[in-house]
Amino acid sequence: MAFAPKACSLFLVVFLGVCMQLNGAQHVPGARCKCPGTIMHTQETIVDFEIIEKTHYCDTTEIIVTLAEDGARRCLNPVGRKAMFFVNCWNKINKDDKQKRRCLKRKAE
């Protein structure tokens, strides 16, 4: 009879551990994106950009630009003209980081 309470306690500890793991693994679309908010475009000079494609934890393509004036990073709305320009250029250079300057030299309207 002494074995039953120990077995029950062990079962409860394992069961609670599994429940906690499952709770932490819930998928919430958009919850882990790097860009909590976006802007449609900026007039400031852009010195770098990063394209983060859709993943299992973020359901939108993210376009993050670095501004020359203060080095700030801003997220562009993926449907905006400037964001679409960077995505198209990124695809044309076959997603090669070494050729990013080609996209930055060309002027996006």
N, C-alpha and C. Protein backbone atom coordinates (compact mmCIF):
# COMPACT_ATOMS: atom_id res chain seq x y z
N MET A 1 0.80 -1.20 0.00
CA MET A 1 0.00 0.00 0.00
C MET A 1 0.85 1.27 0.00
N ALA A 2 2.03 1.21 0.53
CA ALA A 2 2.90 2.38 0.58
C ALA A 2 3.38 2.78 -0.80
N PHE A 3 3.36 1.85 -1.73
CA PHE A 3 3.83 2.11 -3.09
C PHE A 3 2.84 2.98 -3.86
N ALA A 4 1.57 2.84 -3.61
CA ALA A 4 0.53 3.56 -4.36
C ALA A 4 0.65 5.08 -4.22
N PRO A 5 0.83 5.67 -3.04
CA PRO A 5 0.95 7.13 -2.96
C PRO A 5 2.20 7.65 -3.67
N LYS A 6 3.31 6.91 -3.61
CA LYS A 6 4.53 7.34 -4.31
C LYS A 6 4.33 7.29 -5.82
N ALA A 7 3.70 6.23 -6.30
CA ALA A 7 3.44 6.10 -7.73
C ALA A 7 2.49 7.20 -8.20
N CYS A 8 1.51 7.48 -7.39
CA CYS A 8 0.54 8.54 -7.73
C CYS A 8 1.23 9.91 -7.76
N SER A 9 2.10 10.16 -6.81
CA SER A 9 2.83 11.44 -6.75
C SER A 9 3.74 11.58 -7.97
N LEU A 10 4.45 10.50 -8.31
CA LEU A 10 5.33 10.53 -9.47
C LEU A 10 4.52 10.78 -10.75
N PHE A 11 3.38 10.11 -10.87
CA PHE A 11 2.52 10.30 -12.02
C PHE A 11 2.07 11.76 -12.12
N LEU A 12 1.67 12.36 -11.01
CA LEU A 12 1.22 13.75 -11.02
C LEU A 12 2.34 14.70 -11.41
N VAL A 13 3.54 14.46 -10.92
CA VAL A 13 4.68 15.32 -11.27
C VAL A 13 4.97 15.23 -12.76
N VAL A 14 5.00 14.01 -13.31
CA VAL A 14 5.24 13.82 -14.74
C VAL A 14 4.11 14.45 -15.55
N PHE A 15 2.87 14.21 -15.13
CA PHE A 15 1.72 14.76 -15.84
C PHE A 15 1.76 16.29 -15.86
N LEU A 16 2.07 16.91 -14.74
CA LEU A 16 2.16 18.37 -14.69
C LEU A 16 3.29 18.89 -15.56
N GLY A 17 4.41 18.18 -15.58
CA GLY A 17 5.53 18.57 -16.43
C GLY A 17 5.15 18.54 -17.90
N VAL A 18 4.44 17.49 -18.31
CA VAL A 18 3.99 17.38 -19.71
C VAL A 18 3.01 18.50 -20.03
N CYS A 19 2.09 18.78 -19.13
CA CYS A 19 1.12 19.86 -19.35
C CYS A 19 1.81 21.21 -19.50
N MET A 20 2.82 21.46 -18.69
CA MET A 20 3.54 22.74 -18.77
C MET A 20 4.28 22.85 -20.10
N GLN A 21 4.86 21.76 -20.59
CA GLN A 21 5.55 21.78 -21.87
C GLN A 21 4.56 22.04 -23.01
N LEU A 22 3.43 21.38 -22.96
CA LEU A 22 2.42 21.58 -24.01
C LEU A 22 1.88 23.00 -23.99
N ASN A 23 1.69 23.57 -22.83
CA ASN A 23 1.20 24.93 -22.72
C ASN A 23 2.20 25.92 -23.31
N GLY A 24 3.48 25.70 -23.07
CA GLY A 24 4.52 26.59 -23.61
C GLY A 24 4.71 26.45 -25.10
N ALA A 25 4.27 25.33 -25.67
CA ALA A 25 4.48 25.06 -27.09
C ALA A 25 3.30 25.47 -27.95
N GLN A 26 2.32 26.14 -27.40
CA GLN A 26 1.16 26.55 -28.19
C GLN A 26 1.60 27.54 -29.25
N HIS A 27 1.06 27.37 -30.45
CA HIS A 27 1.40 28.24 -31.56
C HIS A 27 0.42 29.42 -31.61
N VAL A 28 0.96 30.60 -31.53
CA VAL A 28 0.15 31.81 -31.65
C VAL A 28 0.71 32.57 -32.86
N PRO A 29 -0.02 32.59 -33.99
CA PRO A 29 0.49 33.26 -35.19
C PRO A 29 0.89 34.71 -34.92
N GLY A 30 2.08 35.06 -35.37
CA GLY A 30 2.56 36.42 -35.25
C GLY A 30 3.12 36.79 -33.90
N ALA A 31 3.08 35.87 -32.95
CA ALA A 31 3.50 36.19 -31.59
C ALA A 31 5.02 36.34 -31.45
N ARG A 32 5.79 35.78 -32.38
CA ARG A 32 7.23 35.82 -32.23
C ARG A 32 7.90 36.54 -33.39
N CYS A 33 7.21 37.43 -34.02
CA CYS A 33 7.79 38.23 -35.09
C CYS A 33 8.73 39.27 -34.48
N LYS A 34 9.72 39.69 -35.26
CA LYS A 34 10.63 40.72 -34.80
C LYS A 34 10.03 42.11 -34.90
N CYS A 35 9.03 42.25 -35.75
CA CYS A 35 8.41 43.56 -35.98
C CYS A 35 7.03 43.62 -35.35
N PRO A 36 6.90 44.26 -34.20
CA PRO A 36 5.57 44.39 -33.60
C PRO A 36 4.69 45.39 -34.34
N GLY A 37 5.31 46.34 -35.02
CA GLY A 37 4.58 47.34 -35.79
C GLY A 37 5.38 47.73 -37.01
N THR A 38 4.73 48.28 -38.02
CA THR A 38 5.42 48.64 -39.26
C THR A 38 5.05 50.05 -39.70
N ILE A 39 5.88 50.58 -40.60
CA ILE A 39 5.59 51.86 -41.25
C ILE A 39 5.50 51.60 -42.74
N MET A 40 4.75 52.43 -43.43
CA MET A 40 4.59 52.22 -44.88
C MET A 40 5.84 52.62 -45.65
N HIS A 41 6.47 53.73 -45.26
CA HIS A 41 7.71 54.12 -45.93
C HIS A 41 8.42 55.18 -45.11
N THR A 42 9.66 55.46 -45.48
CA THR A 42 10.43 56.49 -44.79
C THR A 42 11.17 57.33 -45.81
N GLN A 43 11.33 58.61 -45.52
CA GLN A 43 12.08 59.51 -46.40
C GLN A 43 13.56 59.51 -46.05
N GLU A 44 13.91 58.92 -44.91
CA GLU A 44 15.30 58.91 -44.47
C GLU A 44 16.12 57.95 -45.33
N THR A 45 17.45 58.19 -45.37
CA THR A 45 18.35 57.35 -46.14
C THR A 45 18.51 55.99 -45.47
N ILE A 46 18.37 54.95 -46.26
CA ILE A 46 18.49 53.58 -45.76
C ILE A 46 19.88 53.06 -46.10
N VAL A 47 20.60 52.57 -45.09
CA VAL A 47 21.96 52.08 -45.31
C VAL A 47 22.06 50.55 -45.28
N ASP A 48 21.04 49.89 -44.80
CA ASP A 48 21.05 48.42 -44.78
C ASP A 48 19.61 47.93 -44.65
N PHE A 49 19.41 46.69 -45.03
CA PHE A 49 18.09 46.09 -44.88
C PHE A 49 18.24 44.60 -44.61
N GLU A 50 17.19 44.05 -44.03
CA GLU A 50 17.16 42.62 -43.73
C GLU A 50 15.76 42.12 -44.08
N ILE A 51 15.72 41.01 -44.80
CA ILE A 51 14.45 40.39 -45.15
C ILE A 51 14.35 39.10 -44.35
N ILE A 52 13.30 38.97 -43.58
CA ILE A 52 13.05 37.74 -42.82
C ILE A 52 11.78 37.13 -43.38
N GLU A 53 11.92 35.99 -44.03
CA GLU A 53 10.78 35.36 -44.67
C GLU A 53 9.85 34.70 -43.65
N LYS A 54 8.66 34.37 -44.09
CA LYS A 54 7.67 33.72 -43.22
C LYS A 54 8.28 32.46 -42.61
N THR A 55 7.95 32.22 -41.35
CA THR A 55 8.40 31.02 -40.67
C THR A 55 7.21 30.41 -39.92
N HIS A 56 7.46 29.32 -39.23
CA HIS A 56 6.39 28.69 -38.48
C HIS A 56 5.98 29.52 -37.26
N TYR A 57 6.82 30.46 -36.83
CA TYR A 57 6.48 31.27 -35.67
C TYR A 57 6.11 32.70 -36.02
N CYS A 58 6.27 33.09 -37.27
CA CYS A 58 5.85 34.43 -37.72
C CYS A 58 5.26 34.28 -39.11
N ASP A 59 4.01 34.62 -39.27
CA ASP A 59 3.31 34.35 -40.52
C ASP A 59 3.38 35.48 -41.55
N THR A 60 4.27 36.44 -41.37
CA THR A 60 4.45 37.50 -42.37
C THR A 60 5.92 37.67 -42.71
N THR A 61 6.20 38.13 -43.91
CA THR A 61 7.56 38.48 -44.29
C THR A 61 7.88 39.81 -43.63
N GLU A 62 9.06 39.89 -43.01
CA GLU A 62 9.45 41.11 -42.31
C GLU A 62 10.60 41.79 -43.05
N ILE A 63 10.49 43.10 -43.24
CA ILE A 63 11.51 43.90 -43.89
C ILE A 63 11.98 44.93 -42.87
N ILE A 64 13.24 44.77 -42.43
CA ILE A 64 13.79 45.66 -41.42
C ILE A 64 14.88 46.50 -42.08
N VAL A 65 14.75 47.82 -42.01
CA VAL A 65 15.75 48.71 -42.61
C VAL A 65 16.51 49.45 -41.51
N THR A 66 17.76 49.77 -41.81
CA THR A 66 18.60 50.55 -40.90
C THR A 66 18.75 51.94 -41.51
N LEU A 67 18.49 52.96 -40.72
CA LEU A 67 18.53 54.34 -41.20
C LEU A 67 19.91 54.96 -40.97
N ALA A 68 20.34 55.81 -41.91
CA ALA A 68 21.67 56.41 -41.85
C ALA A 68 21.79 57.43 -40.73
N GLU A 69 20.76 58.21 -40.49
CA GLU A 69 20.84 59.34 -39.57
C GLU A 69 21.23 58.92 -38.16
N ASP A 70 20.57 57.89 -37.63
CA ASP A 70 20.83 57.51 -36.24
C ASP A 70 21.06 56.01 -36.05
N GLY A 71 21.09 55.27 -37.15
CA GLY A 71 21.30 53.83 -37.05
C GLY A 71 20.09 53.07 -36.56
N ALA A 72 18.96 53.76 -36.46
CA ALA A 72 17.74 53.12 -35.97
C ALA A 72 17.26 52.08 -36.98
N ARG A 73 16.63 51.05 -36.47
CA ARG A 73 16.05 50.01 -37.31
C ARG A 73 14.54 50.16 -37.30
N ARG A 74 13.95 50.16 -38.48
CA ARG A 74 12.51 50.31 -38.63
C ARG A 74 11.99 49.14 -39.47
N CYS A 75 10.77 48.75 -39.20
CA CYS A 75 10.12 47.68 -39.94
C CYS A 75 9.17 48.29 -40.97
N LEU A 76 9.36 47.88 -42.22
CA LEU A 76 8.48 48.36 -43.28
C LEU A 76 7.31 47.41 -43.45
N ASN A 77 6.16 47.97 -43.76
CA ASN A 77 4.98 47.16 -44.05
C ASN A 77 5.26 46.39 -45.34
N PRO A 78 5.09 45.06 -45.34
CA PRO A 78 5.42 44.25 -46.51
C PRO A 78 4.63 44.59 -47.77
N VAL A 79 3.50 45.27 -47.65
CA VAL A 79 2.73 45.62 -48.84
C VAL A 79 3.05 47.04 -49.33
N GLY A 80 3.91 47.74 -48.62
CA GLY A 80 4.30 49.09 -49.04
C GLY A 80 5.23 49.05 -50.24
N ARG A 81 5.29 50.14 -50.99
CA ARG A 81 6.09 50.23 -52.22
C ARG A 81 7.57 49.99 -51.95
N LYS A 82 8.11 50.64 -50.91
CA LYS A 82 9.53 50.50 -50.60
C LYS A 82 9.86 49.07 -50.16
N ALA A 83 9.00 48.49 -49.35
CA ALA A 83 9.22 47.11 -48.89
C ALA A 83 9.18 46.14 -50.07
N MET A 84 8.23 46.32 -50.96
CA MET A 84 8.13 45.45 -52.13
C MET A 84 9.35 45.60 -53.03
N PHE A 85 9.88 46.83 -53.13
CA PHE A 85 11.10 47.05 -53.90
C PHE A 85 12.25 46.23 -53.32
N PHE A 86 12.43 46.29 -52.00
CA PHE A 86 13.52 45.54 -51.38
C PHE A 86 13.34 44.03 -51.52
N VAL A 87 12.12 43.55 -51.37
CA VAL A 87 11.87 42.11 -51.53
C VAL A 87 12.16 41.67 -52.96
N ASN A 88 11.70 42.43 -53.95
CA ASN A 88 11.96 42.09 -55.35
C ASN A 88 13.45 42.13 -55.67
N CYS A 89 14.14 43.14 -55.20
CA CYS A 89 15.58 43.26 -55.44
C CYS A 89 16.31 42.10 -54.76
N TRP A 90 15.92 41.79 -53.54
CA TRP A 90 16.52 40.69 -52.77
C TRP A 90 16.39 39.37 -53.54
N ASN A 91 15.23 39.16 -54.13
CA ASN A 91 15.02 37.94 -54.92
C ASN A 91 15.86 37.96 -56.20
N LYS A 92 16.01 39.15 -56.82
CA LYS A 92 16.80 39.25 -58.05
C LYS A 92 18.27 38.94 -57.81
N ILE A 93 18.79 39.29 -56.65
CA ILE A 93 20.21 39.02 -56.36
C ILE A 93 20.38 37.65 -55.68
N ASN A 94 19.33 36.84 -55.77
CA ASN A 94 19.34 35.48 -55.22
C ASN A 94 19.66 35.45 -53.73
N LYS A 95 19.19 36.43 -53.01
CA LYS A 95 19.32 36.49 -51.54
C LYS A 95 20.78 36.44 -51.09
N ASP A 96 21.63 37.10 -51.85
CA ASP A 96 23.07 37.13 -51.56
C ASP A 96 23.41 38.39 -50.78
N ASP A 97 23.80 38.22 -49.51
CA ASP A 97 24.13 39.38 -48.65
C ASP A 97 25.23 40.25 -49.24
N LYS A 98 26.15 39.65 -49.98
CA LYS A 98 27.27 40.40 -50.54
C LYS A 98 26.84 41.37 -51.64
N GLN A 99 25.67 41.15 -52.21
CA GLN A 99 25.18 42.01 -53.28
C GLN A 99 24.09 42.99 -52.82
N LYS A 100 23.89 43.09 -51.53
CA LYS A 100 22.85 43.99 -50.99
C LYS A 100 23.03 45.43 -51.46
N ARG A 101 24.27 45.85 -51.60
CA ARG A 101 24.53 47.25 -52.00
C ARG A 101 23.86 47.60 -53.33
N ARG A 102 23.71 46.60 -54.20
CA ARG A 102 23.04 46.85 -55.48
C ARG A 102 21.61 47.32 -55.23
N CYS A 103 20.96 46.74 -54.24
CA CYS A 103 19.59 47.14 -53.91
C CYS A 103 19.56 48.52 -53.26
N LEU A 104 20.58 48.80 -52.45
CA LEU A 104 20.63 50.08 -51.74
C LEU A 104 20.98 51.23 -52.68
N LYS A 105 21.77 50.97 -53.72
CA LYS A 105 22.16 52.02 -54.67
C LYS A 105 20.98 52.42 -55.55
N ARG A 106 20.18 51.43 -55.90
CA ARG A 106 19.00 51.74 -56.71
C ARG A 106 18.00 52.48 -55.85
N LYS A 107 17.36 53.45 -56.42
CA LYS A 107 16.43 54.26 -55.64
C LYS A 107 15.03 53.68 -55.70
N ALA A 108 14.50 53.38 -54.55
CA ALA A 108 13.11 52.93 -54.47
C ALA A 108 12.21 54.15 -54.36
N GLU A 109 11.16 54.18 -55.10
CA GLU A 109 10.25 55.33 -55.07
C GLU A 109 9.32 55.26 -53.92
